[in-house]
Amino acid sequence: MPLYKSLVLNSQTIVKIWKITESKDFFSDQFVLKPESLERVNGMKSELHQRGFLSVRMLLAEFGYADDDLVYDALGKPHLKDGKYISITHSYIFSAVVVSSKEVGVDIEKKREKIIKIAPKFIGYETNYLSENDPKLIQKLTWIWCIKESLYKLFATPGMVFKKHFLVLPFGTESNSTSAWIIEEEQKSKYKAIFMEFEGFGCAITTPEL
């Protein structure tokens, strides 16, 4: 399937989303992987993960990058050789890449009822505005998870805990953005979170709020 969505969030940030319907063989014929990427994808036991990895390379090509333009640091955070910021995610049948001139994080998560059971592990402050009787609770929890996961990718600092260090301000289901904070000891940093839903998946992109 061609590119699913391409969104210009602002003059500095673009997100591209791919719906993964192609086979592994299709992707393998589209581009050349550097040796370490080829070793990595061949070592994946799940074909779903392999297709997710390869679809990200298709998205890189949509931005004009090759696999060789992407490198990872010791913490596993991706970087582009030209100095622009990048964040990557894939979940089931969707993958996304965001490229920006400022720090950025992205995450996609499938909406599932089990998120209610695991919510106490990643929400803290957010209990002040969430209600267990809210019919949109699964949707809201999915967005909160995506926002916190994207902050985690953006910040890439060991020891960060979703419940303790990441805080998402209240939002309505009719909105598509909110503010979020990373709280580390005495330092607090504010971020803008943009979120959306498509085909039963939640997605969030975070960038510093100026």
N, C-alpha and C. Protein backbone atom coordinates (compact mmCIF):
# COMPACT_ATOMS: atom_id res chain seq x y z
N MET A 1 0.85 -1.19 0.00
CA MET A 1 0.00 0.00 0.00
C MET A 1 0.88 1.24 0.00
N PRO A 2 0.51 2.27 -0.74
CA PRO A 2 1.28 3.51 -0.72
C PRO A 2 1.23 4.17 0.65
N LEU A 3 1.88 5.31 0.76
CA LEU A 3 1.89 6.09 2.00
C LEU A 3 0.46 6.30 2.51
N TYR A 4 0.24 6.04 3.81
CA TYR A 4 -1.10 6.14 4.39
C TYR A 4 -1.47 7.59 4.73
N LYS A 5 -0.55 8.28 5.41
CA LYS A 5 -0.78 9.68 5.77
C LYS A 5 0.54 10.44 5.74
N SER A 6 0.48 11.70 5.36
CA SER A 6 1.61 12.60 5.46
C SER A 6 1.08 13.91 6.02
N LEU A 7 1.60 14.30 7.18
CA LEU A 7 1.08 15.48 7.87
C LEU A 7 2.20 16.47 8.15
N VAL A 8 1.96 17.72 7.82
CA VAL A 8 2.89 18.79 8.17
C VAL A 8 2.38 19.42 9.46
N LEU A 9 3.05 19.10 10.58
CA LEU A 9 2.59 19.60 11.88
C LEU A 9 2.90 21.08 12.04
N ASN A 10 4.05 21.49 11.53
CA ASN A 10 4.44 22.90 11.50
C ASN A 10 5.57 23.03 10.49
N SER A 11 6.15 24.21 10.39
CA SER A 11 7.19 24.45 9.39
C SER A 11 8.44 23.62 9.64
N GLN A 12 8.55 23.04 10.83
CA GLN A 12 9.76 22.31 11.20
C GLN A 12 9.56 20.79 11.28
N THR A 13 8.31 20.34 11.32
CA THR A 13 8.04 18.94 11.66
C THR A 13 7.05 18.28 10.70
N ILE A 14 7.46 17.14 10.15
CA ILE A 14 6.61 16.37 9.23
C ILE A 14 6.54 14.93 9.72
N VAL A 15 5.32 14.37 9.70
CA VAL A 15 5.13 12.96 10.07
C VAL A 15 4.56 12.21 8.87
N LYS A 16 5.10 11.02 8.64
CA LYS A 16 4.60 10.15 7.57
C LYS A 16 4.26 8.78 8.16
N ILE A 17 3.10 8.26 7.78
CA ILE A 17 2.59 7.00 8.32
C ILE A 17 2.37 6.01 7.19
N TRP A 18 2.77 4.76 7.43
CA TRP A 18 2.63 3.69 6.44
C TRP A 18 1.70 2.62 6.98
N LYS A 19 0.74 2.17 6.19
CA LYS A 19 -0.08 1.02 6.56
C LYS A 19 0.57 -0.21 5.92
N ILE A 20 0.96 -1.16 6.76
CA ILE A 20 1.77 -2.29 6.31
C ILE A 20 0.87 -3.41 5.79
N THR A 21 0.74 -3.49 4.49
CA THR A 21 -0.03 -4.57 3.87
C THR A 21 0.85 -5.44 2.97
N GLU A 22 2.08 -5.00 2.73
CA GLU A 22 2.98 -5.69 1.82
C GLU A 22 3.71 -6.85 2.49
N SER A 23 4.22 -7.75 1.69
CA SER A 23 5.00 -8.87 2.19
C SER A 23 6.43 -8.44 2.47
N LYS A 24 7.14 -9.25 3.21
CA LYS A 24 8.56 -8.99 3.47
C LYS A 24 9.34 -8.93 2.16
N ASP A 25 9.02 -9.82 1.23
CA ASP A 25 9.74 -9.87 -0.04
C ASP A 25 9.54 -8.59 -0.85
N PHE A 26 8.34 -8.02 -0.78
CA PHE A 26 8.08 -6.76 -1.49
C PHE A 26 9.04 -5.69 -0.99
N PHE A 27 9.11 -5.54 0.34
CA PHE A 27 9.97 -4.50 0.90
C PHE A 27 11.43 -4.74 0.54
N SER A 28 11.86 -5.98 0.60
CA SER A 28 13.27 -6.31 0.36
C SER A 28 13.72 -5.94 -1.04
N ASP A 29 12.77 -5.85 -1.98
CA ASP A 29 13.11 -5.50 -3.36
C ASP A 29 13.14 -4.00 -3.61
N GLN A 30 12.79 -3.20 -2.59
CA GLN A 30 12.63 -1.76 -2.80
C GLN A 30 13.88 -0.94 -2.51
N PHE A 31 14.80 -1.47 -1.70
CA PHE A 31 15.94 -0.67 -1.27
C PHE A 31 17.08 -1.57 -0.83
N VAL A 32 18.23 -0.96 -0.63
CA VAL A 32 19.41 -1.69 -0.16
C VAL A 32 19.63 -1.39 1.31
N LEU A 33 19.77 -2.44 2.11
CA LEU A 33 20.04 -2.28 3.53
C LEU A 33 21.54 -2.38 3.79
N LYS A 34 22.04 -1.55 4.70
CA LYS A 34 23.43 -1.69 5.12
C LYS A 34 23.57 -2.99 5.90
N PRO A 35 24.77 -3.55 5.99
CA PRO A 35 24.97 -4.87 6.59
C PRO A 35 24.38 -5.03 7.99
N GLU A 36 24.54 -4.02 8.85
CA GLU A 36 24.02 -4.15 10.22
C GLU A 36 22.50 -4.17 10.25
N SER A 37 21.86 -3.44 9.32
CA SER A 37 20.40 -3.47 9.24
C SER A 37 19.91 -4.82 8.73
N LEU A 38 20.61 -5.36 7.76
CA LEU A 38 20.25 -6.66 7.21
C LEU A 38 20.39 -7.75 8.28
N GLU A 39 21.45 -7.67 9.06
CA GLU A 39 21.64 -8.62 10.14
C GLU A 39 20.54 -8.49 11.19
N ARG A 40 20.17 -7.26 11.46
CA ARG A 40 19.13 -7.01 12.46
C ARG A 40 17.77 -7.56 12.03
N VAL A 41 17.38 -7.28 10.79
CA VAL A 41 16.07 -7.72 10.32
C VAL A 41 16.03 -9.24 10.18
N ASN A 42 17.13 -9.84 9.76
CA ASN A 42 17.18 -11.31 9.63
C ASN A 42 17.15 -12.00 10.98
N GLY A 43 17.53 -11.28 12.02
CA GLY A 43 17.52 -11.85 13.37
C GLY A 43 16.18 -11.75 14.07
N MET A 44 15.22 -11.07 13.45
CA MET A 44 13.89 -10.92 14.05
C MET A 44 13.09 -12.19 13.83
N LYS A 45 12.52 -12.74 14.88
CA LYS A 45 11.77 -13.99 14.78
C LYS A 45 10.38 -13.78 14.18
N SER A 46 9.83 -12.59 14.38
CA SER A 46 8.48 -12.31 13.90
C SER A 46 8.52 -11.61 12.55
N GLU A 47 7.76 -12.14 11.58
CA GLU A 47 7.69 -11.47 10.28
C GLU A 47 6.99 -10.12 10.41
N LEU A 48 6.08 -10.00 11.37
CA LEU A 48 5.41 -8.73 11.60
C LEU A 48 6.43 -7.65 11.97
N HIS A 49 7.39 -8.02 12.83
CA HIS A 49 8.44 -7.07 13.22
C HIS A 49 9.35 -6.76 12.03
N GLN A 50 9.64 -7.77 11.23
CA GLN A 50 10.47 -7.57 10.05
C GLN A 50 9.81 -6.58 9.09
N ARG A 51 8.52 -6.76 8.86
CA ARG A 51 7.79 -5.88 7.95
C ARG A 51 7.70 -4.47 8.52
N GLY A 52 7.57 -4.36 9.85
CA GLY A 52 7.56 -3.05 10.47
C GLY A 52 8.88 -2.34 10.27
N PHE A 53 9.97 -3.06 10.50
CA PHE A 53 11.32 -2.52 10.32
C PHE A 53 11.52 -2.06 8.87
N LEU A 54 11.12 -2.89 7.93
CA LEU A 54 11.31 -2.57 6.52
C LEU A 54 10.41 -1.44 6.05
N SER A 55 9.20 -1.36 6.60
CA SER A 55 8.30 -0.27 6.20
C SER A 55 8.86 1.08 6.64
N VAL A 56 9.59 1.09 7.76
CA VAL A 56 10.24 2.33 8.21
C VAL A 56 11.25 2.79 7.16
N ARG A 57 11.94 1.85 6.50
CA ARG A 57 12.88 2.23 5.44
C ARG A 57 12.15 2.81 4.24
N MET A 58 10.93 2.35 4.00
CA MET A 58 10.12 2.95 2.94
C MET A 58 9.77 4.40 3.30
N LEU A 59 9.47 4.62 4.57
CA LEU A 59 9.16 5.98 5.01
C LEU A 59 10.39 6.87 4.93
N LEU A 60 11.55 6.33 5.27
CA LEU A 60 12.78 7.10 5.12
C LEU A 60 12.94 7.57 3.68
N ALA A 61 12.66 6.67 2.75
CA ALA A 61 12.77 7.01 1.34
C ALA A 61 11.80 8.12 0.96
N GLU A 62 10.62 8.12 1.60
CA GLU A 62 9.64 9.18 1.34
C GLU A 62 10.19 10.54 1.75
N PHE A 63 11.07 10.55 2.74
CA PHE A 63 11.72 11.79 3.18
C PHE A 63 12.98 12.10 2.36
N GLY A 64 13.36 11.16 1.50
CA GLY A 64 14.57 11.37 0.72
C GLY A 64 15.82 10.79 1.34
N TYR A 65 15.66 9.93 2.36
CA TYR A 65 16.80 9.32 3.04
C TYR A 65 16.95 7.86 2.63
N ALA A 66 18.19 7.37 2.74
CA ALA A 66 18.47 5.95 2.56
C ALA A 66 18.73 5.33 3.93
N ASP A 67 18.75 4.02 3.98
CA ASP A 67 19.02 3.32 5.23
C ASP A 67 20.36 3.76 5.84
N ASP A 68 21.32 4.06 4.99
CA ASP A 68 22.64 4.45 5.47
C ASP A 68 22.64 5.82 6.14
N ASP A 69 21.59 6.62 5.92
CA ASP A 69 21.51 7.94 6.55
C ASP A 69 21.07 7.87 8.00
N LEU A 70 20.63 6.69 8.43
CA LEU A 70 20.11 6.51 9.78
C LEU A 70 21.12 5.76 10.65
N VAL A 71 21.40 6.31 11.82
CA VAL A 71 22.32 5.66 12.78
C VAL A 71 21.66 5.66 14.15
N TYR A 72 22.12 4.74 15.00
CA TYR A 72 21.58 4.63 16.35
C TYR A 72 22.70 4.85 17.36
N ASP A 73 22.37 5.53 18.47
CA ASP A 73 23.37 5.74 19.51
C ASP A 73 23.37 4.57 20.49
N ALA A 74 24.16 4.67 21.55
CA ALA A 74 24.32 3.57 22.50
C ALA A 74 23.03 3.24 23.23
N LEU A 75 22.12 4.20 23.30
CA LEU A 75 20.84 3.98 23.98
C LEU A 75 19.76 3.50 23.01
N GLY A 76 20.13 3.33 21.75
CA GLY A 76 19.16 2.87 20.76
C GLY A 76 18.32 3.96 20.13
N LYS A 77 18.68 5.22 20.40
CA LYS A 77 17.92 6.33 19.83
C LYS A 77 18.40 6.59 18.40
N PRO A 78 17.46 6.72 17.45
CA PRO A 78 17.86 6.96 16.06
C PRO A 78 18.28 8.41 15.82
N HIS A 79 19.22 8.58 14.90
CA HIS A 79 19.69 9.91 14.50
C HIS A 79 19.90 9.92 13.00
N LEU A 80 19.74 11.10 12.41
CA LEU A 80 20.04 11.27 11.00
C LEU A 80 21.40 11.94 10.84
N LYS A 81 22.13 11.51 9.84
CA LYS A 81 23.48 12.03 9.65
C LYS A 81 23.51 13.52 9.30
N ASP A 82 22.39 14.04 8.76
CA ASP A 82 22.39 15.46 8.39
C ASP A 82 22.07 16.39 9.55
N GLY A 83 21.86 15.79 10.74
CA GLY A 83 21.64 16.60 11.94
C GLY A 83 20.19 16.86 12.29
N LYS A 84 19.27 16.50 11.42
CA LYS A 84 17.86 16.65 11.76
C LYS A 84 17.45 15.58 12.77
N TYR A 85 16.39 15.88 13.52
CA TYR A 85 15.90 14.94 14.53
C TYR A 85 14.89 13.98 13.89
N ILE A 86 14.89 12.75 14.38
CA ILE A 86 13.99 11.74 13.86
C ILE A 86 13.46 10.88 14.99
N SER A 87 12.23 10.42 14.83
CA SER A 87 11.67 9.44 15.76
C SER A 87 10.89 8.41 14.94
N ILE A 88 10.89 7.18 15.42
CA ILE A 88 10.35 6.04 14.67
C ILE A 88 9.44 5.21 15.56
N THR A 89 8.37 4.67 14.98
CA THR A 89 7.52 3.74 15.72
C THR A 89 6.84 2.79 14.74
N HIS A 90 6.54 1.58 15.21
CA HIS A 90 5.66 0.70 14.44
C HIS A 90 4.90 -0.21 15.39
N SER A 91 3.65 -0.44 15.06
CA SER A 91 2.76 -1.25 15.89
C SER A 91 1.79 -2.00 14.98
N TYR A 92 1.88 -3.31 14.97
CA TYR A 92 1.01 -4.14 14.15
C TYR A 92 1.10 -3.74 12.68
N ILE A 93 0.05 -3.10 12.16
CA ILE A 93 0.00 -2.82 10.72
C ILE A 93 0.35 -1.37 10.38
N PHE A 94 0.83 -0.61 11.35
CA PHE A 94 1.20 0.78 11.07
C PHE A 94 2.62 1.09 11.53
N SER A 95 3.28 1.93 10.76
CA SER A 95 4.57 2.46 11.17
C SER A 95 4.56 3.96 10.88
N ALA A 96 5.41 4.69 11.59
CA ALA A 96 5.47 6.14 11.40
C ALA A 96 6.90 6.63 11.61
N VAL A 97 7.24 7.65 10.86
CA VAL A 97 8.52 8.34 11.02
C VAL A 97 8.23 9.83 11.08
N VAL A 98 8.84 10.52 12.04
CA VAL A 98 8.74 11.96 12.14
C VAL A 98 10.14 12.55 11.99
N VAL A 99 10.26 13.55 11.15
CA VAL A 99 11.53 14.26 10.97
C VAL A 99 11.28 15.73 11.30
N SER A 100 12.19 16.31 12.08
CA SER A 100 12.00 17.68 12.55
C SER A 100 13.35 18.37 12.73
N SER A 101 13.31 19.68 12.76
CA SER A 101 14.52 20.44 13.05
C SER A 101 14.70 20.63 14.55
N LYS A 102 13.75 20.09 15.35
CA LYS A 102 13.89 20.12 16.80
C LYS A 102 13.58 18.74 17.35
N GLU A 103 13.89 18.52 18.62
CA GLU A 103 13.68 17.22 19.23
C GLU A 103 12.24 16.76 19.03
N VAL A 104 12.06 15.47 18.80
CA VAL A 104 10.72 14.97 18.50
C VAL A 104 10.60 13.52 18.94
N GLY A 105 9.39 13.13 19.29
CA GLY A 105 9.10 11.74 19.63
C GLY A 105 7.77 11.34 19.03
N VAL A 106 7.62 10.06 18.66
CA VAL A 106 6.36 9.58 18.09
C VAL A 106 6.08 8.18 18.61
N ASP A 107 4.80 7.86 18.77
CA ASP A 107 4.42 6.50 19.14
C ASP A 107 3.04 6.18 18.59
N ILE A 108 2.87 4.93 18.17
CA ILE A 108 1.57 4.41 17.75
C ILE A 108 1.24 3.21 18.63
N GLU A 109 -0.01 3.12 19.05
CA GLU A 109 -0.44 2.01 19.89
C GLU A 109 -1.85 1.60 19.50
N LYS A 110 -2.08 0.30 19.43
CA LYS A 110 -3.41 -0.20 19.14
C LYS A 110 -4.31 -0.05 20.36
N LYS A 111 -5.54 0.42 20.13
CA LYS A 111 -6.49 0.54 21.23
C LYS A 111 -6.94 -0.84 21.68
N ARG A 112 -6.72 -1.13 22.96
CA ARG A 112 -7.12 -2.42 23.50
C ARG A 112 -7.66 -2.24 24.91
N GLU A 113 -8.63 -3.06 25.26
CA GLU A 113 -9.27 -2.93 26.56
C GLU A 113 -8.31 -3.20 27.72
N LYS A 114 -7.29 -3.99 27.47
CA LYS A 114 -6.38 -4.35 28.56
C LYS A 114 -5.58 -3.16 29.08
N ILE A 115 -5.62 -2.03 28.36
CA ILE A 115 -4.88 -0.85 28.83
C ILE A 115 -5.47 -0.35 30.14
N ILE A 116 -6.75 -0.65 30.39
CA ILE A 116 -7.36 -0.24 31.66
C ILE A 116 -6.68 -0.95 32.83
N LYS A 117 -6.34 -2.22 32.63
CA LYS A 117 -5.70 -3.00 33.70
C LYS A 117 -4.28 -2.53 33.99
N ILE A 118 -3.57 -2.12 32.96
CA ILE A 118 -2.17 -1.71 33.18
C ILE A 118 -2.03 -0.22 33.45
N ALA A 119 -3.14 0.53 33.37
CA ALA A 119 -3.09 1.98 33.56
C ALA A 119 -2.41 2.41 34.85
N PRO A 120 -2.66 1.73 36.00
CA PRO A 120 -2.01 2.17 37.25
C PRO A 120 -0.48 2.17 37.17
N LYS A 121 0.08 1.47 36.20
CA LYS A 121 1.53 1.43 36.07
C LYS A 121 2.10 2.65 35.36
N PHE A 122 1.24 3.38 34.60
CA PHE A 122 1.79 4.51 33.86
C PHE A 122 1.06 5.84 34.06
N ILE A 123 -0.05 5.85 34.80
CA ILE A 123 -0.70 7.13 35.09
C ILE A 123 -0.56 7.47 36.57
N GLY A 124 -0.37 8.74 36.84
CA GLY A 124 -0.27 9.24 38.21
C GLY A 124 -1.15 10.47 38.34
N TYR A 125 -0.59 11.62 38.00
CA TYR A 125 -1.34 12.88 38.01
C TYR A 125 -2.63 12.76 37.20
N GLU A 126 -2.60 12.01 36.12
CA GLU A 126 -3.73 11.93 35.19
C GLU A 126 -5.00 11.37 35.83
N THR A 127 -4.88 10.69 36.98
CA THR A 127 -6.07 10.18 37.66
C THR A 127 -6.99 11.32 38.12
N ASN A 128 -6.43 12.55 38.18
CA ASN A 128 -7.23 13.70 38.60
C ASN A 128 -8.31 14.07 37.59
N TYR A 129 -8.12 13.70 36.34
CA TYR A 129 -9.13 14.06 35.34
C TYR A 129 -9.70 12.86 34.57
N LEU A 130 -9.27 11.67 34.92
CA LEU A 130 -9.83 10.47 34.29
C LEU A 130 -10.91 9.85 35.17
N SER A 131 -11.92 9.27 34.55
CA SER A 131 -13.00 8.60 35.28
C SER A 131 -13.17 7.19 34.74
N GLU A 132 -13.28 6.22 35.63
CA GLU A 132 -13.44 4.83 35.19
C GLU A 132 -14.79 4.60 34.51
N ASN A 133 -15.71 5.55 34.66
CA ASN A 133 -17.02 5.45 34.02
C ASN A 133 -17.08 6.15 32.66
N ASP A 134 -15.99 6.76 32.28
CA ASP A 134 -15.93 7.49 31.01
C ASP A 134 -15.97 6.50 29.85
N PRO A 135 -16.94 6.60 28.94
CA PRO A 135 -17.00 5.68 27.80
C PRO A 135 -15.81 5.82 26.84
N LYS A 136 -15.10 6.94 26.95
CA LYS A 136 -13.92 7.16 26.11
C LYS A 136 -12.62 6.86 26.86
N LEU A 137 -12.71 6.12 27.96
CA LEU A 137 -11.53 5.89 28.80
C LEU A 137 -10.42 5.17 28.05
N ILE A 138 -10.75 4.13 27.28
CA ILE A 138 -9.72 3.38 26.55
C ILE A 138 -9.01 4.29 25.56
N GLN A 139 -9.77 5.12 24.89
CA GLN A 139 -9.19 6.05 23.92
C GLN A 139 -8.24 7.02 24.62
N LYS A 140 -8.68 7.58 25.75
CA LYS A 140 -7.86 8.56 26.47
C LYS A 140 -6.59 7.92 27.03
N LEU A 141 -6.73 6.72 27.60
CA LEU A 141 -5.56 6.03 28.14
C LEU A 141 -4.56 5.69 27.03
N THR A 142 -5.08 5.31 25.87
CA THR A 142 -4.20 5.01 24.74
C THR A 142 -3.41 6.24 24.32
N TRP A 143 -4.08 7.38 24.27
CA TRP A 143 -3.38 8.61 23.91
C TRP A 143 -2.35 8.99 24.97
N ILE A 144 -2.71 8.85 26.24
CA ILE A 144 -1.75 9.17 27.31
C ILE A 144 -0.52 8.28 27.21
N TRP A 145 -0.75 6.97 26.98
CA TRP A 145 0.39 6.06 26.80
C TRP A 145 1.26 6.51 25.63
N CYS A 146 0.62 6.81 24.50
CA CYS A 146 1.38 7.23 23.31
C CYS A 146 2.18 8.51 23.58
N ILE A 147 1.57 9.45 24.28
CA ILE A 147 2.26 10.70 24.60
C ILE A 147 3.47 10.43 25.48
N LYS A 148 3.28 9.61 26.51
CA LYS A 148 4.40 9.32 27.43
C LYS A 148 5.48 8.51 26.74
N GLU A 149 5.10 7.57 25.90
CA GLU A 149 6.08 6.78 25.17
C GLU A 149 6.88 7.67 24.20
N SER A 150 6.20 8.60 23.56
CA SER A 150 6.91 9.50 22.64
C SER A 150 7.85 10.43 23.40
N LEU A 151 7.46 10.86 24.61
CA LEU A 151 8.36 11.66 25.45
C LEU A 151 9.58 10.84 25.86
N TYR A 152 9.35 9.58 26.18
CA TYR A 152 10.45 8.68 26.56
C TYR A 152 11.45 8.55 25.40
N LYS A 153 10.94 8.42 24.19
CA LYS A 153 11.82 8.31 23.02
C LYS A 153 12.57 9.61 22.78
N LEU A 154 11.88 10.72 22.95
CA LEU A 154 12.49 12.02 22.73
C LEU A 154 13.61 12.29 23.74
N PHE A 155 13.35 11.99 25.00
CA PHE A 155 14.29 12.32 26.07
C PHE A 155 15.43 11.32 26.17
N ALA A 156 15.13 10.04 25.92
CA ALA A 156 16.15 8.98 25.85
C ALA A 156 17.14 9.04 27.00
N THR A 157 16.61 9.04 28.22
CA THR A 157 17.46 9.07 29.41
C THR A 157 17.14 7.87 30.29
N PRO A 158 18.12 7.04 30.61
CA PRO A 158 17.85 5.85 31.45
C PRO A 158 17.24 6.22 32.79
N GLY A 159 16.37 5.34 33.27
CA GLY A 159 15.78 5.52 34.59
C GLY A 159 14.50 6.31 34.64
N MET A 160 14.02 6.77 33.49
CA MET A 160 12.77 7.54 33.49
C MET A 160 11.58 6.59 33.65
N VAL A 161 10.63 7.00 34.50
CA VAL A 161 9.45 6.20 34.81
C VAL A 161 8.20 6.95 34.34
N PHE A 162 7.38 6.28 33.54
CA PHE A 162 6.19 6.93 32.98
C PHE A 162 5.33 7.60 34.05
N LYS A 163 5.07 6.90 35.12
CA LYS A 163 4.16 7.37 36.16
C LYS A 163 4.73 8.54 36.94
N LYS A 164 6.04 8.56 37.09
CA LYS A 164 6.71 9.54 37.95
C LYS A 164 7.23 10.74 37.19
N HIS A 165 7.81 10.52 36.03
CA HIS A 165 8.54 11.58 35.35
C HIS A 165 7.82 12.24 34.19
N PHE A 166 6.72 11.64 33.73
CA PHE A 166 5.98 12.19 32.60
C PHE A 166 4.56 12.54 33.03
N LEU A 167 4.13 13.74 32.68
CA LEU A 167 2.82 14.23 33.11
C LEU A 167 2.08 14.80 31.91
N VAL A 168 0.84 14.37 31.72
CA VAL A 168 0.02 14.82 30.59
C VAL A 168 -1.14 15.65 31.12
N LEU A 169 -1.26 16.88 30.64
CA LEU A 169 -2.34 17.76 31.09
C LEU A 169 -3.68 17.34 30.51
N PRO A 170 -4.79 17.76 31.13
CA PRO A 170 -6.12 17.34 30.68
C PRO A 170 -6.39 17.71 29.22
N PHE A 171 -7.21 16.91 28.57
CA PHE A 171 -7.60 17.15 27.19
C PHE A 171 -8.96 16.54 26.96
N GLY A 172 -9.66 17.01 25.95
CA GLY A 172 -10.95 16.44 25.59
C GLY A 172 -10.80 15.56 24.36
N THR A 173 -11.73 14.64 24.18
CA THR A 173 -11.64 13.75 23.01
C THR A 173 -11.92 14.50 21.71
N GLU A 174 -12.48 15.70 21.83
CA GLU A 174 -12.74 16.49 20.62
C GLU A 174 -11.49 17.28 20.21
N SER A 175 -10.50 17.34 21.08
CA SER A 175 -9.28 18.09 20.77
C SER A 175 -8.24 17.15 20.16
N ASN A 176 -7.15 17.73 19.67
CA ASN A 176 -6.08 16.89 19.12
C ASN A 176 -4.71 17.30 19.65
N SER A 177 -4.69 18.10 20.72
CA SER A 177 -3.41 18.49 21.28
C SER A 177 -3.55 18.83 22.76
N THR A 178 -2.43 18.74 23.46
CA THR A 178 -2.38 19.12 24.86
C THR A 178 -0.93 19.43 25.20
N SER A 179 -0.67 19.75 26.44
CA SER A 179 0.70 19.96 26.90
C SER A 179 1.10 18.81 27.80
N ALA A 180 2.38 18.55 27.84
CA ALA A 180 2.91 17.48 28.69
C ALA A 180 4.23 17.96 29.28
N TRP A 181 4.60 17.34 30.41
CA TRP A 181 5.82 17.74 31.10
C TRP A 181 6.73 16.54 31.33
N ILE A 182 8.02 16.80 31.25
CA ILE A 182 9.01 15.85 31.74
C ILE A 182 9.58 16.46 33.02
N ILE A 183 9.47 15.71 34.11
CA ILE A 183 9.91 16.20 35.42
C ILE A 183 11.06 15.33 35.89
N GLU A 184 12.22 15.93 36.00
CA GLU A 184 13.42 15.20 36.42
C GLU A 184 14.10 15.97 37.54
N GLU A 185 14.01 15.42 38.75
CA GLU A 185 14.54 16.07 39.95
C GLU A 185 14.00 17.49 40.04
N GLU A 186 14.88 18.51 39.94
CA GLU A 186 14.42 19.89 40.07
C GLU A 186 14.13 20.54 38.72
N GLN A 187 14.31 19.82 37.65
CA GLN A 187 14.13 20.37 36.32
C GLN A 187 12.81 19.94 35.70
N LYS A 188 12.10 20.91 35.10
CA LYS A 188 10.85 20.63 34.42
C LYS A 188 10.90 21.18 33.00
N SER A 189 10.47 20.37 32.03
CA SER A 189 10.46 20.80 30.64
C SER A 189 9.08 20.57 30.05
N LYS A 190 8.57 21.56 29.33
CA LYS A 190 7.21 21.49 28.78
C LYS A 190 7.25 21.12 27.31
N TYR A 191 6.30 20.28 26.90
CA TYR A 191 6.23 19.80 25.53
C TYR A 191 4.81 19.92 24.99
N LYS A 192 4.73 20.05 23.69
CA LYS A 192 3.43 20.01 23.02
C LYS A 192 3.19 18.61 22.51
N ALA A 193 2.01 18.09 22.75
CA ALA A 193 1.64 16.75 22.27
C ALA A 193 0.47 16.87 21.30
N ILE A 194 0.65 16.33 20.12
CA ILE A 194 -0.41 16.26 19.12
C ILE A 194 -0.79 14.80 18.97
N PHE A 195 -2.08 14.49 19.04
CA PHE A 195 -2.49 13.10 18.99
C PHE A 195 -3.65 12.92 18.02
N MET A 196 -3.82 11.68 17.57
CA MET A 196 -4.87 11.37 16.58
C MET A 196 -5.23 9.90 16.70
N GLU A 197 -6.28 9.53 16.03
CA GLU A 197 -6.71 8.13 15.98
C GLU A 197 -7.05 7.76 14.56
N PHE A 198 -6.68 6.53 14.15
CA PHE A 198 -7.06 6.03 12.83
C PHE A 198 -7.12 4.51 12.88
N GLU A 199 -8.21 3.97 12.39
CA GLU A 199 -8.43 2.52 12.27
C GLU A 199 -8.13 1.76 13.56
N GLY A 200 -8.56 2.33 14.68
CA GLY A 200 -8.38 1.64 15.96
C GLY A 200 -7.02 1.78 16.59
N PHE A 201 -6.22 2.69 16.09
CA PHE A 201 -4.89 2.96 16.64
C PHE A 201 -4.81 4.40 17.13
N GLY A 202 -4.06 4.62 18.21
CA GLY A 202 -3.76 5.96 18.67
C GLY A 202 -2.35 6.33 18.27
N CYS A 203 -2.12 7.61 18.05
CA CYS A 203 -0.78 8.07 17.66
C CYS A 203 -0.54 9.43 18.34
N ALA A 204 0.68 9.64 18.81
CA ALA A 204 1.03 10.91 19.41
C ALA A 204 2.42 11.34 18.97
N ILE A 205 2.58 12.65 18.75
CA ILE A 205 3.87 13.23 18.43
C ILE A 205 4.13 14.33 19.44
N THR A 206 5.33 14.34 20.02
CA THR A 206 5.68 15.36 21.01
C THR A 206 6.90 16.16 20.53
N THR A 207 6.86 17.47 20.79
CA THR A 207 7.97 18.36 20.49
C THR A 207 8.07 19.40 21.61
N PRO A 208 9.23 20.00 21.80
CA PRO A 208 9.34 21.05 22.84
C PRO A 208 8.34 22.16 22.61
N GLU A 209 7.75 22.65 23.69
CA GLU A 209 6.78 23.75 23.59
C GLU A 209 7.52 25.05 23.86
N LEU A 210 7.56 25.89 22.86
CA LEU A 210 8.33 27.13 22.96
C LEU A 210 7.53 28.21 23.67
